[in-house]
N, C-alpha and C. Protein backbone atom coordinates (compact mmCIF):
# COMPACT_ATOMS: atom_id res chain seq x y z
N UNK A 1 33.90 137.56 -28.26
CA UNK A 1 35.17 137.69 -27.56
C UNK A 1 35.03 138.71 -26.43
N UNK A 2 35.51 138.35 -25.24
CA UNK A 2 35.35 139.27 -24.12
C UNK A 2 36.39 140.38 -24.17
N UNK A 3 36.19 141.39 -23.30
CA UNK A 3 37.05 142.56 -23.32
C UNK A 3 38.51 142.22 -23.06
N UNK A 4 38.76 141.32 -22.11
CA UNK A 4 40.14 140.97 -21.78
C UNK A 4 40.85 140.36 -22.98
N UNK A 5 40.13 139.56 -23.75
CA UNK A 5 40.72 138.97 -24.95
C UNK A 5 41.04 140.02 -25.99
N UNK A 6 40.16 141.01 -26.11
CA UNK A 6 40.41 142.10 -27.05
C UNK A 6 41.63 142.90 -26.62
N UNK A 7 41.73 143.16 -25.33
CA UNK A 7 42.90 143.87 -24.81
C UNK A 7 44.18 143.11 -25.14
N UNK A 8 44.15 141.79 -24.97
CA UNK A 8 45.31 140.97 -25.30
C UNK A 8 45.70 141.13 -26.77
N UNK A 9 44.70 141.18 -27.63
CA UNK A 9 44.97 141.35 -29.05
C UNK A 9 45.65 142.69 -29.33
N UNK A 10 45.15 143.74 -28.67
CA UNK A 10 45.74 145.06 -28.87
C UNK A 10 47.18 145.08 -28.38
N UNK A 11 47.40 144.52 -27.21
CA UNK A 11 48.75 144.51 -26.65
C UNK A 11 49.71 143.64 -27.47
N UNK A 12 49.14 142.69 -28.20
CA UNK A 12 49.97 141.83 -29.05
C UNK A 12 50.28 142.47 -30.40
N UNK A 13 49.74 143.67 -30.62
CA UNK A 13 50.06 144.39 -31.85
C UNK A 13 48.91 144.67 -32.77
N UNK A 14 47.73 144.14 -32.46
CA UNK A 14 46.56 144.36 -33.30
C UNK A 14 45.87 145.65 -32.85
N UNK A 15 46.39 146.78 -33.27
CA UNK A 15 45.86 148.06 -32.82
C UNK A 15 44.42 148.29 -33.27
N UNK A 16 44.06 147.73 -34.41
CA UNK A 16 42.71 147.91 -34.92
C UNK A 16 41.66 147.30 -33.98
N UNK A 17 42.08 146.31 -33.19
CA UNK A 17 41.12 145.66 -32.29
C UNK A 17 40.60 146.62 -31.22
N UNK A 18 41.35 147.70 -30.96
CA UNK A 18 40.89 148.65 -29.95
C UNK A 18 39.57 149.28 -30.35
N UNK A 19 39.31 149.34 -31.66
CA UNK A 19 38.04 149.89 -32.12
C UNK A 19 36.85 149.09 -31.59
N UNK A 20 37.06 147.79 -31.36
CA UNK A 20 35.99 146.96 -30.79
C UNK A 20 35.62 147.44 -29.39
N UNK A 21 36.63 147.83 -28.63
CA UNK A 21 36.37 148.32 -27.27
C UNK A 21 35.67 149.68 -27.31
N UNK A 22 36.05 150.50 -28.27
CA UNK A 22 35.40 151.81 -28.41
C UNK A 22 33.93 151.62 -28.79
N UNK A 23 33.66 150.72 -29.73
CA UNK A 23 32.27 150.47 -30.13
C UNK A 23 31.44 149.92 -28.98
N UNK A 24 32.05 149.05 -28.18
CA UNK A 24 31.33 148.42 -27.08
C UNK A 24 31.05 149.39 -25.94
N UNK A 25 32.05 150.19 -25.59
CA UNK A 25 31.93 151.02 -24.39
C UNK A 25 31.79 152.51 -24.66
N UNK A 26 31.95 152.91 -25.91
CA UNK A 26 31.86 154.34 -26.23
C UNK A 26 30.54 154.97 -25.83
N UNK A 27 29.39 154.35 -26.16
CA UNK A 27 28.12 154.97 -25.78
C UNK A 27 27.97 155.17 -24.27
N UNK A 28 28.42 154.19 -23.49
CA UNK A 28 28.31 154.31 -22.04
C UNK A 28 29.19 155.41 -21.48
N UNK A 29 30.41 155.51 -22.00
CA UNK A 29 31.33 156.55 -21.54
C UNK A 29 30.78 157.93 -21.89
N UNK A 30 30.26 158.08 -23.11
CA UNK A 30 29.69 159.37 -23.51
C UNK A 30 28.46 159.70 -22.68
N UNK A 31 27.65 158.70 -22.39
CA UNK A 31 26.45 158.92 -21.57
C UNK A 31 26.83 159.38 -20.17
N UNK A 32 27.84 158.73 -19.59
CA UNK A 32 28.31 159.14 -18.26
C UNK A 32 28.80 160.57 -18.29
N UNK A 33 29.61 160.91 -19.29
CA UNK A 33 30.16 162.26 -19.38
C UNK A 33 29.07 163.29 -19.60
N UNK A 34 28.08 162.95 -20.44
CA UNK A 34 27.00 163.90 -20.73
C UNK A 34 26.16 164.19 -19.49
N UNK A 35 26.05 163.20 -18.61
CA UNK A 35 25.27 163.40 -17.39
C UNK A 35 26.06 164.12 -16.31
N UNK A 36 27.36 164.15 -16.47
CA UNK A 36 28.22 164.80 -15.49
C UNK A 36 28.57 166.24 -15.87
N UNK A 37 28.63 166.53 -17.14
CA UNK A 37 29.25 167.76 -17.61
C UNK A 37 28.24 168.75 -18.19
N UNK A 38 28.63 170.03 -18.29
CA UNK A 38 27.68 171.08 -18.64
C UNK A 38 27.34 171.20 -20.12
N UNK A 39 28.06 170.54 -21.00
CA UNK A 39 27.73 170.64 -22.41
C UNK A 39 28.06 169.35 -23.13
N UNK A 40 27.37 169.12 -24.22
CA UNK A 40 27.63 167.93 -25.03
C UNK A 40 29.05 167.96 -25.60
N UNK A 41 29.48 169.15 -26.01
CA UNK A 41 30.82 169.27 -26.59
C UNK A 41 31.89 168.86 -25.58
N UNK A 42 31.76 169.33 -24.34
CA UNK A 42 32.72 168.97 -23.31
C UNK A 42 32.66 167.47 -23.01
N UNK A 43 31.45 166.92 -23.00
CA UNK A 43 31.30 165.49 -22.76
C UNK A 43 31.98 164.68 -23.85
N UNK A 44 31.85 165.10 -25.10
CA UNK A 44 32.49 164.39 -26.20
C UNK A 44 34.02 164.48 -26.09
N UNK A 45 34.51 165.65 -25.67
CA UNK A 45 35.96 165.80 -25.49
C UNK A 45 36.47 164.85 -24.41
N UNK A 46 35.74 164.76 -23.31
CA UNK A 46 36.14 163.88 -22.22
C UNK A 46 36.07 162.42 -22.64
N UNK A 47 35.04 162.06 -23.37
CA UNK A 47 34.92 160.68 -23.85
C UNK A 47 36.10 160.32 -24.75
N UNK A 48 36.46 161.23 -25.64
CA UNK A 48 37.59 160.97 -26.52
C UNK A 48 38.89 160.84 -25.72
N UNK A 49 39.08 161.73 -24.75
CA UNK A 49 40.28 161.68 -23.93
C UNK A 49 40.32 160.40 -23.10
N UNK A 50 39.16 159.92 -22.69
CA UNK A 50 39.10 158.67 -21.93
C UNK A 50 39.70 157.52 -22.73
N UNK A 51 39.32 157.41 -23.97
CA UNK A 51 39.82 156.31 -24.80
C UNK A 51 41.28 156.51 -25.20
N UNK A 52 41.70 157.74 -25.37
CA UNK A 52 43.11 158.00 -25.64
C UNK A 52 43.97 157.55 -24.46
N UNK A 53 43.52 157.88 -23.26
CA UNK A 53 44.28 157.49 -22.07
C UNK A 53 44.22 155.98 -21.84
N UNK A 54 43.06 155.41 -22.12
CA UNK A 54 42.93 153.96 -21.97
C UNK A 54 43.90 153.25 -22.92
N UNK A 55 43.97 153.71 -24.13
CA UNK A 55 44.87 153.10 -25.10
C UNK A 55 46.32 153.23 -24.66
N UNK A 56 46.68 154.42 -24.18
CA UNK A 56 48.06 154.67 -23.76
C UNK A 56 48.46 153.85 -22.55
N UNK A 57 47.48 153.51 -21.72
CA UNK A 57 47.76 152.81 -20.46
C UNK A 57 47.20 151.39 -20.45
N UNK A 58 46.95 150.84 -21.62
CA UNK A 58 46.28 149.55 -21.69
C UNK A 58 47.06 148.44 -20.99
N UNK A 59 48.37 148.54 -20.98
CA UNK A 59 49.18 147.51 -20.33
C UNK A 59 48.96 147.47 -18.82
N UNK A 60 48.39 148.53 -18.26
CA UNK A 60 48.13 148.58 -16.82
C UNK A 60 46.79 147.95 -16.44
N UNK A 61 45.99 147.63 -17.43
CA UNK A 61 44.68 147.04 -17.13
C UNK A 61 44.87 145.65 -16.53
N UNK A 62 44.17 145.40 -15.43
CA UNK A 62 44.21 144.11 -14.76
C UNK A 62 42.99 143.30 -15.18
N UNK A 63 43.16 142.24 -15.96
CA UNK A 63 42.03 141.48 -16.48
C UNK A 63 41.21 140.75 -15.42
N UNK A 64 41.65 140.77 -14.17
CA UNK A 64 40.84 140.16 -13.11
C UNK A 64 39.59 140.98 -12.83
N UNK A 65 39.58 142.22 -13.30
CA UNK A 65 38.45 143.11 -13.04
C UNK A 65 37.79 143.50 -14.36
N UNK A 66 36.51 143.88 -14.31
CA UNK A 66 35.82 144.26 -15.56
C UNK A 66 36.49 145.44 -16.24
N UNK A 67 36.60 145.35 -17.55
CA UNK A 67 37.21 146.43 -18.31
C UNK A 67 36.39 147.72 -18.16
N UNK A 68 35.06 147.57 -18.11
CA UNK A 68 34.22 148.75 -17.97
C UNK A 68 34.55 149.52 -16.71
N UNK A 69 34.79 148.82 -15.60
CA UNK A 69 35.11 149.51 -14.35
C UNK A 69 36.41 150.29 -14.48
N UNK A 70 37.40 149.66 -15.11
CA UNK A 70 38.69 150.34 -15.31
C UNK A 70 38.52 151.56 -16.21
N UNK A 71 37.74 151.41 -17.27
CA UNK A 71 37.50 152.51 -18.19
C UNK A 71 36.72 153.63 -17.52
N UNK A 72 35.72 153.26 -16.74
CA UNK A 72 34.91 154.28 -16.07
C UNK A 72 35.70 155.02 -15.00
N UNK A 73 36.71 154.38 -14.44
CA UNK A 73 37.55 155.10 -13.49
C UNK A 73 38.29 156.23 -14.21
N UNK A 74 38.81 155.94 -15.38
CA UNK A 74 39.47 156.98 -16.17
C UNK A 74 38.47 158.08 -16.52
N UNK A 75 37.30 157.68 -17.00
CA UNK A 75 36.28 158.65 -17.40
C UNK A 75 35.81 159.50 -16.23
N UNK A 76 35.58 158.86 -15.08
CA UNK A 76 35.06 159.61 -13.93
C UNK A 76 36.08 160.61 -13.42
N UNK A 77 37.36 160.24 -13.40
CA UNK A 77 38.38 161.19 -12.98
C UNK A 77 38.45 162.39 -13.92
N UNK A 78 38.36 162.12 -15.22
CA UNK A 78 38.38 163.21 -16.20
C UNK A 78 37.13 164.09 -16.06
N UNK A 79 35.98 163.48 -15.81
CA UNK A 79 34.74 164.25 -15.63
C UNK A 79 34.83 165.17 -14.43
N UNK A 80 35.29 164.63 -13.31
CA UNK A 80 35.39 165.44 -12.10
C UNK A 80 36.36 166.59 -12.31
N UNK A 81 37.50 166.32 -12.92
CA UNK A 81 38.47 167.38 -13.18
C UNK A 81 37.89 168.44 -14.11
N UNK A 82 37.21 168.00 -15.17
CA UNK A 82 36.63 168.94 -16.13
C UNK A 82 35.54 169.78 -15.49
N UNK A 83 34.73 169.16 -14.64
CA UNK A 83 33.64 169.89 -13.98
C UNK A 83 34.19 170.92 -13.01
N UNK A 84 35.24 170.58 -12.31
CA UNK A 84 35.85 171.55 -11.39
C UNK A 84 36.42 172.73 -12.16
N UNK A 85 37.05 172.45 -13.30
CA UNK A 85 37.60 173.55 -14.10
C UNK A 85 36.48 174.43 -14.63
N UNK A 86 35.38 173.81 -15.05
CA UNK A 86 34.26 174.59 -15.57
C UNK A 86 33.64 175.47 -14.48
N UNK A 87 33.52 174.90 -13.30
CA UNK A 87 32.93 175.68 -12.20
C UNK A 87 33.84 176.84 -11.79
N UNK A 88 35.13 176.65 -11.94
CA UNK A 88 36.08 177.70 -11.59
C UNK A 88 36.02 178.85 -12.58
N UNK A 89 35.68 178.55 -13.82
CA UNK A 89 35.60 179.57 -14.86
C UNK A 89 34.43 179.25 -15.79
N UNK A 90 33.20 179.37 -15.29
CA UNK A 90 32.04 178.98 -16.08
C UNK A 90 31.84 179.85 -17.30
N UNK A 91 31.38 179.23 -18.35
CA UNK A 91 31.07 179.96 -19.58
C UNK A 91 29.58 180.21 -19.62
N UNK A 92 29.10 180.64 -20.77
CA UNK A 92 27.67 180.90 -20.90
C UNK A 92 26.89 179.66 -21.32
N UNK A 93 27.57 178.52 -21.42
CA UNK A 93 26.92 177.30 -21.85
C UNK A 93 25.91 176.85 -20.80
N UNK A 94 24.72 176.49 -21.25
CA UNK A 94 23.70 175.99 -20.33
C UNK A 94 24.13 174.67 -19.72
N UNK A 95 23.83 174.49 -18.44
CA UNK A 95 24.17 173.22 -17.81
C UNK A 95 23.00 172.24 -17.89
N UNK A 96 21.93 172.62 -18.57
CA UNK A 96 20.78 171.73 -18.67
C UNK A 96 20.88 170.84 -19.89
N UNK A 97 22.07 170.27 -20.11
CA UNK A 97 22.28 169.39 -21.25
C UNK A 97 21.45 168.13 -21.06
N UNK A 98 20.90 167.62 -22.15
CA UNK A 98 20.10 166.41 -22.11
C UNK A 98 20.82 165.31 -22.85
N UNK A 99 21.07 164.21 -22.18
CA UNK A 99 21.73 163.08 -22.81
C UNK A 99 20.71 162.24 -23.56
N UNK A 100 21.21 161.35 -24.38
CA UNK A 100 20.40 160.33 -25.04
C UNK A 100 19.34 160.91 -25.95
N UNK A 101 19.82 161.74 -26.89
CA UNK A 101 18.95 162.16 -27.98
C UNK A 101 17.77 163.01 -27.58
N UNK A 102 17.88 163.77 -26.50
CA UNK A 102 16.84 164.71 -26.16
C UNK A 102 15.69 164.14 -25.36
N UNK A 103 15.77 162.92 -24.90
CA UNK A 103 14.69 162.35 -24.10
C UNK A 103 14.82 162.85 -22.67
N UNK A 104 14.29 164.04 -22.45
CA UNK A 104 14.55 164.73 -21.19
C UNK A 104 14.08 163.96 -19.98
N UNK A 105 12.94 163.30 -20.08
CA UNK A 105 12.39 162.65 -18.90
C UNK A 105 12.69 161.19 -18.79
N UNK A 106 13.40 160.63 -19.75
CA UNK A 106 13.58 159.17 -19.80
C UNK A 106 14.27 158.65 -18.56
N UNK A 107 13.55 157.82 -17.81
CA UNK A 107 14.15 157.15 -16.67
C UNK A 107 14.36 158.00 -15.44
N UNK A 108 13.98 159.27 -15.50
CA UNK A 108 14.29 160.15 -14.38
C UNK A 108 13.24 160.13 -13.28
N UNK A 109 12.05 159.62 -13.58
CA UNK A 109 10.99 159.66 -12.57
C UNK A 109 11.29 158.74 -11.40
N UNK A 110 12.12 157.72 -11.62
CA UNK A 110 12.44 156.82 -10.52
C UNK A 110 13.88 156.96 -10.06
N UNK A 111 14.47 158.14 -10.30
CA UNK A 111 15.83 158.41 -9.85
C UNK A 111 15.92 158.30 -8.34
N UNK A 112 17.05 157.80 -7.89
CA UNK A 112 17.39 157.70 -6.47
C UNK A 112 16.44 156.78 -5.73
N UNK A 113 16.24 155.61 -6.30
CA UNK A 113 15.51 154.56 -5.62
C UNK A 113 14.15 154.96 -5.12
N UNK A 114 13.39 155.69 -5.92
CA UNK A 114 12.05 156.09 -5.51
C UNK A 114 12.01 157.45 -4.86
N UNK A 115 13.09 158.22 -5.01
CA UNK A 115 13.11 159.57 -4.44
C UNK A 115 11.92 160.39 -4.94
N UNK A 116 11.68 160.28 -6.24
CA UNK A 116 10.54 160.97 -6.82
C UNK A 116 9.54 159.92 -7.27
N UNK A 117 8.30 160.11 -6.96
CA UNK A 117 7.28 159.13 -7.32
C UNK A 117 7.26 158.91 -8.82
N UNK A 118 7.23 157.64 -9.24
CA UNK A 118 7.19 157.30 -10.65
C UNK A 118 5.80 156.92 -11.10
N UNK A 119 4.78 157.14 -10.29
CA UNK A 119 3.42 156.70 -10.63
C UNK A 119 2.70 157.72 -11.49
N UNK A 120 3.36 158.09 -12.60
CA UNK A 120 2.74 159.02 -13.54
C UNK A 120 2.93 158.46 -14.93
N UNK A 121 2.21 159.03 -15.87
CA UNK A 121 2.40 158.59 -17.26
C UNK A 121 1.14 157.97 -17.79
N UNK A 122 1.31 156.92 -18.59
CA UNK A 122 0.17 156.23 -19.16
C UNK A 122 -0.46 156.94 -20.33
N UNK A 123 0.28 157.91 -20.92
CA UNK A 123 -0.24 158.58 -22.10
C UNK A 123 -1.06 159.81 -21.80
N UNK A 124 -1.34 160.12 -20.56
CA UNK A 124 -2.09 161.32 -20.19
C UNK A 124 -1.19 162.53 -20.41
N UNK A 125 -1.56 163.46 -21.31
CA UNK A 125 -0.70 164.63 -21.58
C UNK A 125 -0.37 165.45 -20.35
N UNK A 126 -1.34 165.62 -19.47
CA UNK A 126 -1.10 166.42 -18.27
C UNK A 126 -0.09 165.75 -17.36
N UNK A 127 -0.25 164.42 -17.20
CA UNK A 127 0.68 163.69 -16.35
C UNK A 127 2.06 163.63 -16.99
N UNK A 128 2.12 163.48 -18.31
CA UNK A 128 3.41 163.47 -19.00
C UNK A 128 4.12 164.80 -18.85
N UNK A 129 3.37 165.89 -18.92
CA UNK A 129 3.96 167.21 -18.74
C UNK A 129 4.49 167.37 -17.32
N UNK A 130 3.72 166.86 -16.35
CA UNK A 130 4.17 166.92 -14.96
C UNK A 130 5.43 166.09 -14.76
N UNK A 131 5.47 164.94 -15.42
CA UNK A 131 6.64 164.07 -15.30
C UNK A 131 7.88 164.74 -15.90
N UNK A 132 7.69 165.40 -17.05
CA UNK A 132 8.81 166.10 -17.68
C UNK A 132 9.32 167.22 -16.78
N UNK A 133 8.40 167.94 -16.14
CA UNK A 133 8.80 169.02 -15.24
C UNK A 133 9.55 168.46 -14.03
N UNK A 134 9.03 167.36 -13.49
CA UNK A 134 9.70 166.71 -12.37
C UNK A 134 11.09 166.25 -12.77
N UNK A 135 11.20 165.66 -13.95
CA UNK A 135 12.49 165.17 -14.43
C UNK A 135 13.49 166.31 -14.56
N UNK A 136 13.03 167.45 -15.08
CA UNK A 136 13.92 168.60 -15.23
C UNK A 136 14.39 169.10 -13.87
N UNK A 137 13.50 169.08 -12.89
CA UNK A 137 13.86 169.52 -11.54
C UNK A 137 14.89 168.59 -10.92
N UNK A 138 14.67 167.27 -11.09
CA UNK A 138 15.63 166.30 -10.57
C UNK A 138 16.99 166.47 -11.24
N UNK A 139 16.96 166.65 -12.56
CA UNK A 139 18.20 166.81 -13.31
C UNK A 139 18.98 168.02 -12.81
N UNK A 140 18.27 169.12 -12.59
CA UNK A 140 18.93 170.33 -12.10
C UNK A 140 19.51 170.11 -10.71
N UNK A 141 18.76 169.40 -9.85
CA UNK A 141 19.25 169.14 -8.50
C UNK A 141 20.50 168.28 -8.51
N UNK A 142 20.52 167.26 -9.38
CA UNK A 142 21.71 166.41 -9.49
C UNK A 142 22.91 167.24 -9.91
N UNK A 143 22.70 168.17 -10.81
CA UNK A 143 23.81 168.98 -11.32
C UNK A 143 24.33 169.98 -10.28
N UNK A 144 23.58 170.20 -9.22
CA UNK A 144 24.04 171.10 -8.16
C UNK A 144 24.91 170.38 -7.14
N UNK A 145 24.94 169.06 -7.18
CA UNK A 145 25.76 168.32 -6.23
C UNK A 145 27.24 168.53 -6.52
N UNK A 146 28.05 168.40 -5.47
CA UNK A 146 29.49 168.42 -5.68
C UNK A 146 29.89 167.25 -6.59
N UNK A 147 30.95 167.42 -7.37
CA UNK A 147 31.30 166.40 -8.38
C UNK A 147 31.38 164.98 -7.84
N UNK A 148 31.96 164.79 -6.65
CA UNK A 148 32.13 163.43 -6.11
C UNK A 148 30.79 162.76 -5.84
N UNK A 149 29.82 163.54 -5.33
CA UNK A 149 28.50 162.99 -5.03
C UNK A 149 27.68 162.83 -6.32
N UNK A 150 27.82 163.79 -7.19
CA UNK A 150 27.12 163.72 -8.47
C UNK A 150 27.53 162.48 -9.25
N UNK A 151 28.81 162.18 -9.23
CA UNK A 151 29.31 161.01 -9.95
C UNK A 151 28.67 159.73 -9.43
N UNK A 152 28.56 159.60 -8.12
CA UNK A 152 27.98 158.39 -7.54
C UNK A 152 26.50 158.25 -7.90
N UNK A 153 25.77 159.37 -7.88
CA UNK A 153 24.35 159.33 -8.25
C UNK A 153 24.20 158.92 -9.72
N UNK A 154 25.04 159.50 -10.58
CA UNK A 154 24.97 159.16 -12.00
C UNK A 154 25.26 157.68 -12.21
N UNK A 155 26.31 157.17 -11.57
CA UNK A 155 26.67 155.77 -11.74
C UNK A 155 25.59 154.84 -11.20
N UNK A 156 25.07 155.16 -10.03
CA UNK A 156 24.11 154.27 -9.38
C UNK A 156 22.74 154.32 -10.02
N UNK A 157 22.26 155.52 -10.33
CA UNK A 157 20.85 155.66 -10.70
C UNK A 157 20.62 156.00 -12.16
N UNK A 158 21.65 156.32 -12.89
CA UNK A 158 21.51 156.52 -14.33
C UNK A 158 22.18 155.38 -15.10
N UNK A 159 23.33 154.93 -14.60
CA UNK A 159 24.04 153.83 -15.26
C UNK A 159 23.66 152.47 -14.68
N UNK A 160 22.96 152.45 -13.56
CA UNK A 160 22.51 151.19 -12.98
C UNK A 160 23.62 150.33 -12.41
N UNK A 161 24.69 150.95 -11.97
CA UNK A 161 25.83 150.21 -11.44
C UNK A 161 25.60 149.86 -9.97
N UNK A 162 26.02 148.65 -9.58
CA UNK A 162 25.94 148.22 -8.20
C UNK A 162 27.08 148.86 -7.40
N UNK A 163 26.94 148.81 -6.07
CA UNK A 163 27.95 149.45 -5.23
C UNK A 163 29.35 148.90 -5.45
N UNK A 164 29.46 147.57 -5.65
CA UNK A 164 30.79 147.02 -5.86
C UNK A 164 31.38 147.45 -7.20
N UNK A 165 30.53 147.62 -8.22
CA UNK A 165 31.00 148.13 -9.50
C UNK A 165 31.46 149.58 -9.38
N UNK A 166 30.69 150.37 -8.63
CA UNK A 166 31.07 151.76 -8.43
C UNK A 166 32.39 151.84 -7.67
N UNK A 167 32.55 150.96 -6.69
CA UNK A 167 33.79 150.94 -5.93
C UNK A 167 34.99 150.66 -6.84
N UNK A 168 34.84 149.69 -7.73
CA UNK A 168 35.93 149.38 -8.66
C UNK A 168 36.20 150.54 -9.60
N UNK A 169 35.14 151.23 -10.02
CA UNK A 169 35.29 152.31 -10.99
C UNK A 169 35.83 153.59 -10.37
N UNK A 170 35.65 153.77 -9.07
CA UNK A 170 36.08 155.00 -8.42
C UNK A 170 37.30 154.83 -7.53
N UNK A 171 37.59 153.58 -7.16
CA UNK A 171 38.70 153.35 -6.24
C UNK A 171 38.31 153.50 -4.79
N UNK A 172 37.01 153.74 -4.53
CA UNK A 172 36.52 153.84 -3.17
C UNK A 172 36.18 152.44 -2.64
N UNK A 173 36.15 152.30 -1.33
CA UNK A 173 35.70 151.04 -0.75
C UNK A 173 34.19 150.93 -0.89
N UNK A 174 33.65 149.71 -0.95
CA UNK A 174 32.19 149.56 -1.04
C UNK A 174 31.47 150.26 0.11
N UNK A 175 32.05 150.20 1.31
CA UNK A 175 31.42 150.86 2.45
C UNK A 175 31.36 152.37 2.27
N UNK A 176 32.43 152.95 1.74
CA UNK A 176 32.45 154.39 1.52
C UNK A 176 31.48 154.78 0.41
N UNK A 177 31.38 153.94 -0.63
CA UNK A 177 30.40 154.20 -1.69
C UNK A 177 29.00 154.23 -1.10
N UNK A 178 28.68 153.25 -0.26
CA UNK A 178 27.36 153.19 0.36
C UNK A 178 27.08 154.43 1.20
N UNK A 179 28.07 154.84 2.01
CA UNK A 179 27.88 156.00 2.87
C UNK A 179 27.71 157.28 2.06
N UNK A 180 28.53 157.43 1.01
CA UNK A 180 28.45 158.65 0.21
C UNK A 180 27.17 158.70 -0.61
N UNK A 181 26.72 157.55 -1.08
CA UNK A 181 25.44 157.53 -1.79
C UNK A 181 24.30 157.93 -0.86
N UNK A 182 24.35 157.44 0.36
CA UNK A 182 23.33 157.81 1.35
C UNK A 182 23.32 159.33 1.55
N UNK A 183 24.50 159.91 1.69
CA UNK A 183 24.60 161.36 1.90
C UNK A 183 24.14 162.11 0.65
N UNK A 184 24.52 161.59 -0.54
CA UNK A 184 24.12 162.25 -1.78
C UNK A 184 22.61 162.25 -1.94
N UNK A 185 21.97 161.14 -1.56
CA UNK A 185 20.51 161.07 -1.65
C UNK A 185 19.85 162.05 -0.68
N UNK A 186 20.41 162.17 0.50
CA UNK A 186 19.89 163.14 1.46
C UNK A 186 20.02 164.56 0.92
N UNK A 187 21.16 164.85 0.29
CA UNK A 187 21.36 166.18 -0.30
C UNK A 187 20.32 166.45 -1.39
N UNK A 188 20.05 165.43 -2.20
CA UNK A 188 19.06 165.59 -3.25
C UNK A 188 17.68 165.84 -2.66
N UNK A 189 17.34 165.09 -1.62
CA UNK A 189 16.03 165.29 -1.01
C UNK A 189 15.89 166.71 -0.46
N UNK A 190 16.97 167.23 0.10
CA UNK A 190 16.93 168.59 0.60
C UNK A 190 16.70 169.59 -0.53
N UNK A 191 17.38 169.35 -1.66
CA UNK A 191 17.23 170.25 -2.80
C UNK A 191 15.84 170.14 -3.43
N UNK A 192 15.24 168.96 -3.31
CA UNK A 192 13.95 168.71 -3.92
C UNK A 192 12.79 168.88 -2.94
N UNK A 193 13.07 169.44 -1.77
CA UNK A 193 12.05 169.52 -0.73
C UNK A 193 10.84 170.33 -1.17
N UNK A 194 11.05 171.25 -2.09
CA UNK A 194 9.93 172.06 -2.56
C UNK A 194 9.26 171.50 -3.79
N UNK A 195 9.69 170.34 -4.25
CA UNK A 195 9.14 169.74 -5.45
C UNK A 195 7.72 169.26 -5.22
N UNK A 196 6.83 169.59 -6.11
CA UNK A 196 5.46 169.08 -5.99
C UNK A 196 5.45 167.61 -6.34
N UNK A 197 4.65 166.88 -5.63
CA UNK A 197 4.60 165.43 -5.85
C UNK A 197 5.14 164.70 -4.65
N UNK A 198 5.04 163.41 -4.67
CA UNK A 198 5.43 162.58 -3.53
C UNK A 198 6.92 162.42 -3.45
N UNK A 199 7.46 162.53 -2.26
CA UNK A 199 8.86 162.23 -1.99
C UNK A 199 8.90 161.01 -1.10
N UNK A 200 9.61 160.00 -1.57
CA UNK A 200 9.66 158.73 -0.84
C UNK A 200 10.59 158.85 0.37
N UNK A 201 10.56 157.80 1.23
CA UNK A 201 11.47 157.74 2.36
C UNK A 201 12.85 157.34 1.91
N UNK A 202 13.75 157.11 2.87
CA UNK A 202 15.13 156.78 2.56
C UNK A 202 15.21 155.51 1.73
N UNK A 203 16.08 155.55 0.68
CA UNK A 203 16.27 154.37 -0.16
C UNK A 203 17.29 153.45 0.46
């Protein structure tokens, strides 16, 4: 059963059906929040609030569009607001949170369309160590971006969302998404200019 059908069931009175949507999209929402926010605890709070708001506003969902995009718009707004509040009054919590069970380097070597060379690995301990260090550097650079740019990088290069999906999830036009992603990638390259290893050309 697709998401729109599940939403119909919930709106018709089957409140338990909402759990299907949480099971389907909960991991993605938590992953997005964990990549945006300074701590796992804060990410979990935002993920929970995302589904609470989605449930409260379910009648506003337009089934012509993907449910994930609608849900991610709620999540992204909450993430940006939470990140701004944290930056205004930062705690001692480390911002080097690692999503997805501690796999620090997973998928990060090819972040930003080849920004950092991914030609490492193959089981060589030295190369794996270098890759992990590169991944940590990229992660830190992403976290230094302003929330609006950070969100686009996370959606595009960690969540694998296309520009039109990002546009639906953020409320931006596809053209503005493309322009802001271009600027965000340039910002990352500037932050990573001292990184050892190959830096690719514009993506």
